[in-house]
Amino acid sequence: MWTKIAGIILRNRIAFIAGVLLGTIFMGFQARKIQMSYESADLLPKTDSAYLDYTRFRETFGQEGNVMVFAIQDSGFYQLNKTNDWIQMGNDIKALQGVNALMSITHTFNLQKNTDLKKFEVLPIFPSHIETQAELDSLAYVAEHLPFYDGMLINRDKHTYNMMITVSAEVMNSPARVKLVQDVLEITKRFTEKYHLKMHYSGMPYIRFSGLSGL
């Protein structure tokens, strides 16, 4: 049998060689289209009940793992220039393409009663720029005594202050995620270097970025 196969190959060697060359050229052309995947690998079978529950959850609540968190520990956070720079840092990050939302203690809201319109309104606690230390002290007292934010954006006992951003699904699962995280790191670095503080980072966008940086 092997003799017949060898005979067929030898008689048609030109056709076989041409086929191999064409296949090699085709594969080389397709190789140019290879791209790195920025999505997490699915570890469970698509028919698994846990995977199906997870898929329904994602369809209902949106892309998972798209939150990046960074925080400082500073007992002297509420100093006029420092807090204004923190506010500006948050505004600069919020303006980056791919950032859907940003939260920090200086980017919070409070429910206030509008007696003229006879309704409640959700209004920002902090302005974009604070003029005096007395004004800052008053605003900080209001923000820190809203129980919703304690433990999420601040820890009063440990003097930690968090900032969180949500990244759009399009950027999260594309190469643009790398540049976004780099931009966030650069903006926060300017703040920490000015005030000699250490920023701590976490969240899936940062973890994926750190993993790629180590490759």
C-alpha atoms as a PDB file:
ATOM      1  CA  MET A   1       0.000   0.000   0.000  1.00  0.00           C
ATOM      2  CA  TRP A   2       2.785   2.389   0.933  1.00  0.00           C
ATOM      3  CA  THR A   3       4.458   1.645  -2.392  1.00  0.00           C
ATOM      4  CA  LYS A   4       1.304   2.754  -4.251  1.00  0.00           C
ATOM      5  CA  ILE A   5       1.071   5.911  -2.165  1.00  0.00           C
ATOM      6  CA  ALA A   6       4.714   6.740  -2.816  1.00  0.00           C
ATOM      7  CA  GLY A   7       4.156   6.128  -6.536  1.00  0.00           C
ATOM      8  CA  ILE A   8       1.158   8.467  -6.619  1.00  0.00           C
ATOM      9  CA  ILE A   9       3.155  11.185  -4.828  1.00  0.00           C
ATOM     10  CA  LEU A  10       6.117  10.832  -7.169  1.00  0.00           C
ATOM     11  CA  ARG A  11       3.974  10.853 -10.310  1.00  0.00           C
ATOM     12  CA  ASN A  12       2.124  13.925  -9.127  1.00  0.00           C
ATOM     13  CA  ARG A  13       4.984  15.596  -7.274  1.00  0.00           C
ATOM     14  CA  ILE A  14       4.633  18.853  -9.167  1.00  0.00           C
ATOM     15  CA  ALA A  15       0.960  19.144  -8.178  1.00  0.00           C
ATOM     16  CA  PHE A  16       1.758  18.262  -4.555  1.00  0.00           C
ATOM     17  CA  ILE A  17       4.617  20.773  -4.394  1.00  0.00           C
ATOM     18  CA  ALA A  18       2.401  23.450  -5.905  1.00  0.00           C
ATOM     19  CA  GLY A  19      -0.328  22.644  -3.389  1.00  0.00           C
ATOM     20  CA  VAL A  20       2.115  22.922  -0.484  1.00  0.00           C
ATOM     21  CA  LEU A  21       3.445  26.235  -1.792  1.00  0.00           C
ATOM     22  CA  LEU A  22      -0.064  27.635  -2.265  1.00  0.00           C
ATOM     23  CA  GLY A  23      -1.044  26.478   1.222  1.00  0.00           C
ATOM     24  CA  THR A  24       2.063  28.082   2.719  1.00  0.00           C
ATOM     25  CA  ILE A  25       1.383  31.370   0.930  1.00  0.00           C
ATOM     26  CA  PHE A  26      -2.253  31.323   2.071  1.00  0.00           C
ATOM     27  CA  MET A  27      -1.324  30.628   5.709  1.00  0.00           C
ATOM     28  CA  GLY A  28       1.304  33.369   5.591  1.00  0.00           C
ATOM     29  CA  PHE A  29      -1.313  35.807   4.295  1.00  0.00           C
ATOM     30  CA  GLN A  30      -3.770  34.832   7.022  1.00  0.00           C
ATOM     31  CA  ALA A  31      -1.051  35.146   9.691  1.00  0.00           C
ATOM     32  CA  ARG A  32      -0.991  38.902   9.117  1.00  0.00           C
ATOM     33  CA  LYS A  33      -4.544  39.046  10.481  1.00  0.00           C
ATOM     34  CA  ILE A  34      -3.687  37.398  13.806  1.00  0.00           C
ATOM     35  CA  GLN A  35      -4.568  39.650  16.758  1.00  0.00           C
ATOM     36  CA  MET A  36      -4.215  39.314  20.500  1.00  0.00           C
ATOM     37  CA  SER A  37      -7.469  38.637  22.303  1.00  0.00           C
ATOM     38  CA  TYR A  38      -8.233  41.074  25.115  1.00  0.00           C
ATOM     39  CA  GLU A  39     -11.140  39.047  26.467  1.00  0.00           C
ATOM     40  CA  SER A  40     -10.909  36.559  29.298  1.00  0.00           C
ATOM     41  CA  ALA A  41     -10.958  32.923  28.312  1.00  0.00           C
ATOM     42  CA  ASP A  42     -14.100  30.941  29.101  1.00  0.00           C
ATOM     43  CA  LEU A  43     -13.137  28.212  31.552  1.00  0.00           C
ATOM     44  CA  LEU A  44     -16.547  26.540  31.779  1.00  0.00           C
ATOM     45  CA  PRO A  45     -18.441  24.739  29.000  1.00  0.00           C
ATOM     46  CA  LYS A  46     -21.082  26.950  27.411  1.00  0.00           C
ATOM     47  CA  THR A  47     -23.751  24.440  28.454  1.00  0.00           C
ATOM     48  CA  ASP A  48     -22.747  24.516  32.127  1.00  0.00           C
ATOM     49  CA  SER A  49     -25.472  25.858  34.437  1.00  0.00           C
ATOM     50  CA  ALA A  50     -23.070  28.262  36.166  1.00  0.00           C
ATOM     51  CA  TYR A  51     -21.938  29.637  32.801  1.00  0.00           C
ATOM     52  CA  LEU A  52     -25.553  30.099  31.701  1.00  0.00           C
ATOM     53  CA  ASP A  53     -26.369  31.959  34.938  1.00  0.00           C
ATOM     54  CA  TYR A  54     -23.296  34.122  34.439  1.00  0.00           C
ATOM     55  CA  THR A  55     -24.299  34.902  30.842  1.00  0.00           C
ATOM     56  CA  ARG A  56     -27.803  35.944  31.927  1.00  0.00           C
ATOM     57  CA  PHE A  57     -26.303  38.128  34.662  1.00  0.00           C
ATOM     58  CA  ARG A  58     -23.970  39.837  32.145  1.00  0.00           C
ATOM     59  CA  GLU A  59     -26.837  40.413  29.715  1.00  0.00           C
ATOM     60  CA  THR A  60     -28.856  42.036  32.500  1.00  0.00           C
ATOM     61  CA  PHE A  61     -26.176  44.117  34.240  1.00  0.00           C
ATOM     62  CA  GLY A  62     -23.607  44.641  31.505  1.00  0.00           C
ATOM     63  CA  GLN A  63     -19.893  43.930  31.160  1.00  0.00           C
ATOM     64  CA  GLU A  64     -18.262  42.507  34.252  1.00  0.00           C
ATOM     65  CA  GLY A  65     -14.796  43.290  35.584  1.00  0.00           C
ATOM     66  CA  ASN A  66     -14.632  46.788  34.129  1.00  0.00           C
ATOM     67  CA  VAL A  67     -13.991  48.717  37.352  1.00  0.00           C
ATOM     68  CA  MET A  68     -10.583  50.145  38.243  1.00  0.00           C
ATOM     69  CA  VAL A  69      -9.964  51.367  41.787  1.00  0.00           C
ATOM     70  CA  PHE A  70      -7.104  53.456  43.161  1.00  0.00           C
ATOM     71  CA  ALA A  71      -6.652  54.878  46.632  1.00  0.00           C
ATOM     72  CA  ILE A  72      -4.375  56.885  48.904  1.00  0.00           C
ATOM     73  CA  GLN A  73      -3.948  56.938  52.660  1.00  0.00           C
ATOM     74  CA  ASP A  74      -3.563  60.478  53.926  1.00  0.00           C
ATOM     75  CA  SER A  75      -4.555  61.971  57.277  1.00  0.00           C
ATOM     76  CA  GLY A  76      -4.170  65.443  55.770  1.00  0.00           C
ATOM     77  CA  PHE A  77      -6.376  64.913  52.724  1.00  0.00           C
ATOM     78  CA  TYR A  78      -8.647  67.900  53.330  1.00  0.00           C
ATOM     79  CA  GLN A  79      -6.152  70.642  52.595  1.00  0.00           C
ATOM     80  CA  LEU A  80      -7.424  73.220  50.131  1.00  0.00           C
ATOM     81  CA  ASN A  81      -4.836  72.852  47.362  1.00  0.00           C
ATOM     82  CA  LYS A  82      -4.584  69.089  47.743  1.00  0.00           C
ATOM     83  CA  THR A  83      -8.340  68.532  47.582  1.00  0.00           C
ATOM     84  CA  ASN A  84      -8.682  70.857  44.581  1.00  0.00           C
ATOM     85  CA  ASP A  85      -5.925  68.892  42.829  1.00  0.00           C
ATOM     86  CA  TRP A  86      -7.718  65.628  43.699  1.00  0.00           C
ATOM     87  CA  ILE A  87     -10.897  67.037  42.158  1.00  0.00           C
ATOM     88  CA  GLN A  88      -9.004  68.091  39.037  1.00  0.00           C
ATOM     89  CA  MET A  89      -7.298  64.707  38.834  1.00  0.00           C
ATOM     90  CA  GLY A  90     -10.711  63.041  38.845  1.00  0.00           C
ATOM     91  CA  ASN A  91     -12.036  65.408  36.187  1.00  0.00           C
ATOM     92  CA  ASP A  92      -9.009  64.716  33.965  1.00  0.00           C
ATOM     93  CA  ILE A  93      -9.506  60.957  34.310  1.00  0.00           C
ATOM     94  CA  LYS A  94     -13.244  61.228  33.701  1.00  0.00           C
ATOM     95  CA  ALA A  95     -12.520  63.043  30.417  1.00  0.00           C
ATOM     96  CA  LEU A  96     -10.465  60.110  29.069  1.00  0.00           C
ATOM     97  CA  GLN A  97     -12.016  58.193  26.210  1.00  0.00           C
ATOM     98  CA  GLY A  98     -13.405  54.914  27.490  1.00  0.00           C
ATOM     99  CA  VAL A  99     -14.227  56.092  31.024  1.00  0.00           C
ATOM    100  CA  ASN A 100     -17.979  55.764  31.515  1.00  0.00           C
ATOM    101  CA  ALA A 101     -18.201  57.012  35.088  1.00  0.00           C
ATOM    102  CA  LEU A 102     -16.048  58.120  38.000  1.00  0.00           C
ATOM    103  CA  MET A 103     -16.697  58.145  41.732  1.00  0.00           C
ATOM    104  CA  SER A 104     -14.729  59.586  44.636  1.00  0.00           C
ATOM    105  CA  ILE A 105     -15.613  61.431  47.816  1.00  0.00           C
ATOM    106  CA  THR A 106     -15.199  64.730  45.936  1.00  0.00           C
ATOM    107  CA  HIS A 107     -17.402  63.521  43.085  1.00  0.00           C
ATOM    108  CA  THR A 108     -20.399  62.525  45.183  1.00  0.00           C
ATOM    109  CA  PHE A 109     -24.012  63.623  45.315  1.00  0.00           C
ATOM    110  CA  ASN A 110     -26.530  64.411  47.999  1.00  0.00           C
ATOM    111  CA  LEU A 111     -30.311  64.476  48.046  1.00  0.00           C
ATOM    112  CA  GLN A 112     -31.609  67.979  48.747  1.00  0.00           C
ATOM    113  CA  LYS A 113     -35.128  69.269  49.088  1.00  0.00           C
ATOM    114  CA  ASN A 114     -36.235  71.997  46.670  1.00  0.00           C
ATOM    115  CA  THR A 115     -38.934  73.845  48.600  1.00  0.00           C
ATOM    116  CA  ASP A 116     -39.874  76.014  45.626  1.00  0.00           C
ATOM    117  CA  LEU A 117     -40.495  73.071  43.291  1.00  0.00           C
ATOM    118  CA  LYS A 118     -41.596  70.825  46.160  1.00  0.00           C
ATOM    119  CA  LYS A 119     -39.372  67.945  45.164  1.00  0.00           C
ATOM    120  CA  PHE A 120     -36.026  66.371  45.975  1.00  0.00           C
ATOM    121  CA  GLU A 121     -33.013  66.976  43.746  1.00  0.00           C
ATOM    122  CA  VAL A 122     -29.752  65.068  43.442  1.00  0.00           C
ATOM    123  CA  LEU A 123     -26.962  67.644  43.493  1.00  0.00           C
ATOM    124  CA  PRO A 124     -23.156  67.373  43.634  1.00  0.00           C
ATOM    125  CA  ILE A 125     -21.670  68.001  47.060  1.00  0.00           C
ATOM    126  CA  PHE A 126     -18.358  69.469  45.886  1.00  0.00           C
ATOM    127  CA  PRO A 127     -17.945  72.164  43.212  1.00  0.00           C
ATOM    128  CA  SER A 128     -15.255  71.861  40.545  1.00  0.00           C
ATOM    129  CA  HIS A 129     -13.099  74.290  42.550  1.00  0.00           C
ATOM    130  CA  ILE A 130     -13.237  75.141  46.251  1.00  0.00           C
ATOM    131  CA  GLU A 131     -12.361  78.715  47.221  1.00  0.00           C
ATOM    132  CA  THR A 132     -11.612  78.577  50.951  1.00  0.00           C
ATOM    133  CA  GLN A 133     -10.557  76.101  53.625  1.00  0.00           C
ATOM    134  CA  ALA A 134     -13.725  76.892  55.586  1.00  0.00           C
ATOM    135  CA  GLU A 135     -15.849  75.947  52.585  1.00  0.00           C
ATOM    136  CA  LEU A 136     -13.867  72.713  52.182  1.00  0.00           C
ATOM    137  CA  ASP A 137     -14.295  71.817  55.861  1.00  0.00           C
ATOM    138  CA  SER A 138     -18.050  72.297  55.578  1.00  0.00           C
ATOM    139  CA  LEU A 139     -18.329  70.181  52.414  1.00  0.00           C
ATOM    140  CA  ALA A 140     -16.106  67.449  53.841  1.00  0.00           C
ATOM    141  CA  TYR A 141     -18.298  67.208  56.950  1.00  0.00           C
ATOM    142  CA  VAL A 142     -21.397  66.708  54.791  1.00  0.00           C
ATOM    143  CA  ALA A 143     -19.788  64.108  52.521  1.00  0.00           C
ATOM    144  CA  GLU A 144     -18.149  62.095  55.283  1.00  0.00           C
ATOM    145  CA  HIS A 145     -21.336  61.853  57.316  1.00  0.00           C
ATOM    146  CA  LEU A 146     -23.347  60.270  54.546  1.00  0.00           C
ATOM    147  CA  PRO A 147     -23.255  56.576  55.524  1.00  0.00           C
ATOM    148  CA  PHE A 148     -23.606  55.381  51.926  1.00  0.00           C
ATOM    149  CA  TYR A 149     -20.069  56.495  51.056  1.00  0.00           C
ATOM    150  CA  ASP A 150     -18.317  55.315  54.212  1.00  0.00           C
ATOM    151  CA  GLY A 151     -16.506  52.062  53.546  1.00  0.00           C
ATOM    152  CA  MET A 152     -16.847  52.420  49.785  1.00  0.00           C
ATOM    153  CA  LEU A 153     -15.167  55.730  48.897  1.00  0.00           C
ATOM    154  CA  ILE A 154     -13.588  56.542  52.250  1.00  0.00           C
ATOM    155  CA  ASN A 155     -12.465  54.851  55.422  1.00  0.00           C
ATOM    156  CA  ARG A 156     -12.478  57.492  58.123  1.00  0.00           C
ATOM    157  CA  ASP A 157     -10.660  55.317  60.655  1.00  0.00           C
ATOM    158  CA  LYS A 158      -7.745  54.591  58.308  1.00  0.00           C
ATOM    159  CA  HIS A 159      -7.848  57.915  56.402  1.00  0.00           C
ATOM    160  CA  THR A 160      -8.095  56.208  53.004  1.00  0.00           C
ATOM    161  CA  TYR A 161      -9.703  57.851  49.985  1.00  0.00           C
ATOM    162  CA  ASN A 162     -10.734  55.854  46.947  1.00  0.00           C
ATOM    163  CA  MET A 163     -11.439  56.780  43.357  1.00  0.00           C
ATOM    164  CA  MET A 164     -13.231  54.337  41.068  1.00  0.00           C
ATOM    165  CA  ILE A 165     -13.820  54.376  37.331  1.00  0.00           C
ATOM    166  CA  THR A 166     -15.876  52.138  35.071  1.00  0.00           C
ATOM    167  CA  VAL A 167     -14.419  51.339  31.666  1.00  0.00           C
ATOM    168  CA  SER A 168     -16.598  50.862  28.596  1.00  0.00           C
ATOM    169  CA  ALA A 169     -16.885  47.321  27.229  1.00  0.00           C
ATOM    170  CA  GLU A 170     -15.507  48.429  23.848  1.00  0.00           C
ATOM    171  CA  VAL A 171     -12.289  49.768  25.392  1.00  0.00           C
ATOM    172  CA  MET A 172     -12.056  47.014  27.996  1.00  0.00           C
ATOM    173  CA  ASN A 173     -11.878  44.309  25.310  1.00  0.00           C
ATOM    174  CA  SER A 174      -9.576  46.143  22.898  1.00  0.00           C
ATOM    175  CA  PRO A 175      -5.954  47.328  22.754  1.00  0.00           C
ATOM    176  CA  ALA A 176      -7.220  50.794  23.754  1.00  0.00           C
ATOM    177  CA  ARG A 177      -7.470  49.479  27.321  1.00  0.00           C
ATOM    178  CA  VAL A 178      -3.697  49.565  27.624  1.00  0.00           C
ATOM    179  CA  LYS A 179      -3.462  53.247  26.714  1.00  0.00           C
ATOM    180  CA  LEU A 180      -6.357  54.115  29.013  1.00  0.00           C
ATOM    181  CA  VAL A 181      -4.679  52.508  32.025  1.00  0.00           C
ATOM    182  CA  GLN A 182      -1.377  54.164  31.089  1.00  0.00           C
ATOM    183  CA  ASP A 183      -3.107  57.551  30.969  1.00  0.00           C
ATOM    184  CA  VAL A 184      -4.726  56.949  34.359  1.00  0.00           C
ATOM    185  CA  LEU A 185      -1.375  55.995  35.866  1.00  0.00           C
ATOM    186  CA  GLU A 186       0.258  59.097  34.423  1.00  0.00           C
ATOM    187  CA  ILE A 187      -2.437  61.439  35.737  1.00  0.00           C
ATOM    188  CA  THR A 188      -2.420  59.905  39.216  1.00  0.00           C
ATOM    189  CA  LYS A 189       1.386  59.916  39.261  1.00  0.00           C
ATOM    190  CA  ARG A 190       1.440  63.703  38.923  1.00  0.00           C
ATOM    191  CA  PHE A 191      -0.770  63.987  42.010  1.00  0.00           C
ATOM    192  CA  THR A 192       1.154  61.511  44.164  1.00  0.00           C
ATOM    193  CA  GLU A 193       4.553  62.952  43.254  1.00  0.00           C
ATOM    194  CA  LYS A 194       3.400  66.488  44.093  1.00  0.00           C
ATOM    195  CA  TYR A 195       2.164  65.470  47.549  1.00  0.00           C
ATOM    196  CA  HIS A 196       4.603  62.594  48.214  1.00  0.00           C
ATOM    197  CA  LEU A 197       1.867  59.990  48.527  1.00  0.00           C
ATOM    198  CA  LYS A 198       1.571  56.386  47.385  1.00  0.00           C
ATOM    199  CA  MET A 199      -1.337  55.363  45.180  1.00  0.00           C
ATOM    200  CA  HIS A 200      -2.605  51.793  45.419  1.00  0.00           C
ATOM    201  CA  TYR A 201      -4.271  50.275  42.337  1.00  0.00           C
ATOM    202  CA  SER A 202      -6.659  47.379  41.819  1.00  0.00           C
ATOM    203  CA  GLY A 203      -9.468  46.220  39.537  1.00  0.00           C
ATOM    204  CA  MET A 204      -9.564  44.039  36.439  1.00  0.00           C
ATOM    205  CA  PRO A 205      -8.425  46.734  33.940  1.00  0.00           C
ATOM    206  CA  TYR A 206      -5.282  47.317  36.006  1.00  0.00           C
ATOM    207  CA  ILE A 207      -4.689  43.604  36.629  1.00  0.00           C
ATOM    208  CA  ARG A 208      -4.934  42.819  32.919  1.00  0.00           C
ATOM    209  CA  PHE A 209      -2.635  45.729  32.119  1.00  0.00           C
ATOM    210  CA  SER A 210      -0.072  44.539  34.668  1.00  0.00           C
ATOM    211  CA  GLY A 211      -0.256  41.016  33.254  1.00  0.00           C
ATOM    212  CA  LEU A 212       0.430  42.249  29.722  1.00  0.00           C
ATOM    213  CA  SER A 213       3.268  44.476  30.938  1.00  0.00           C
ATOM    214  CA  GLY A 214       4.987  41.432  32.370  1.00  0.00           C
ATOM    215  CA  LEU A 215       4.961  39.567  29.050  1.00  0.00           C
END
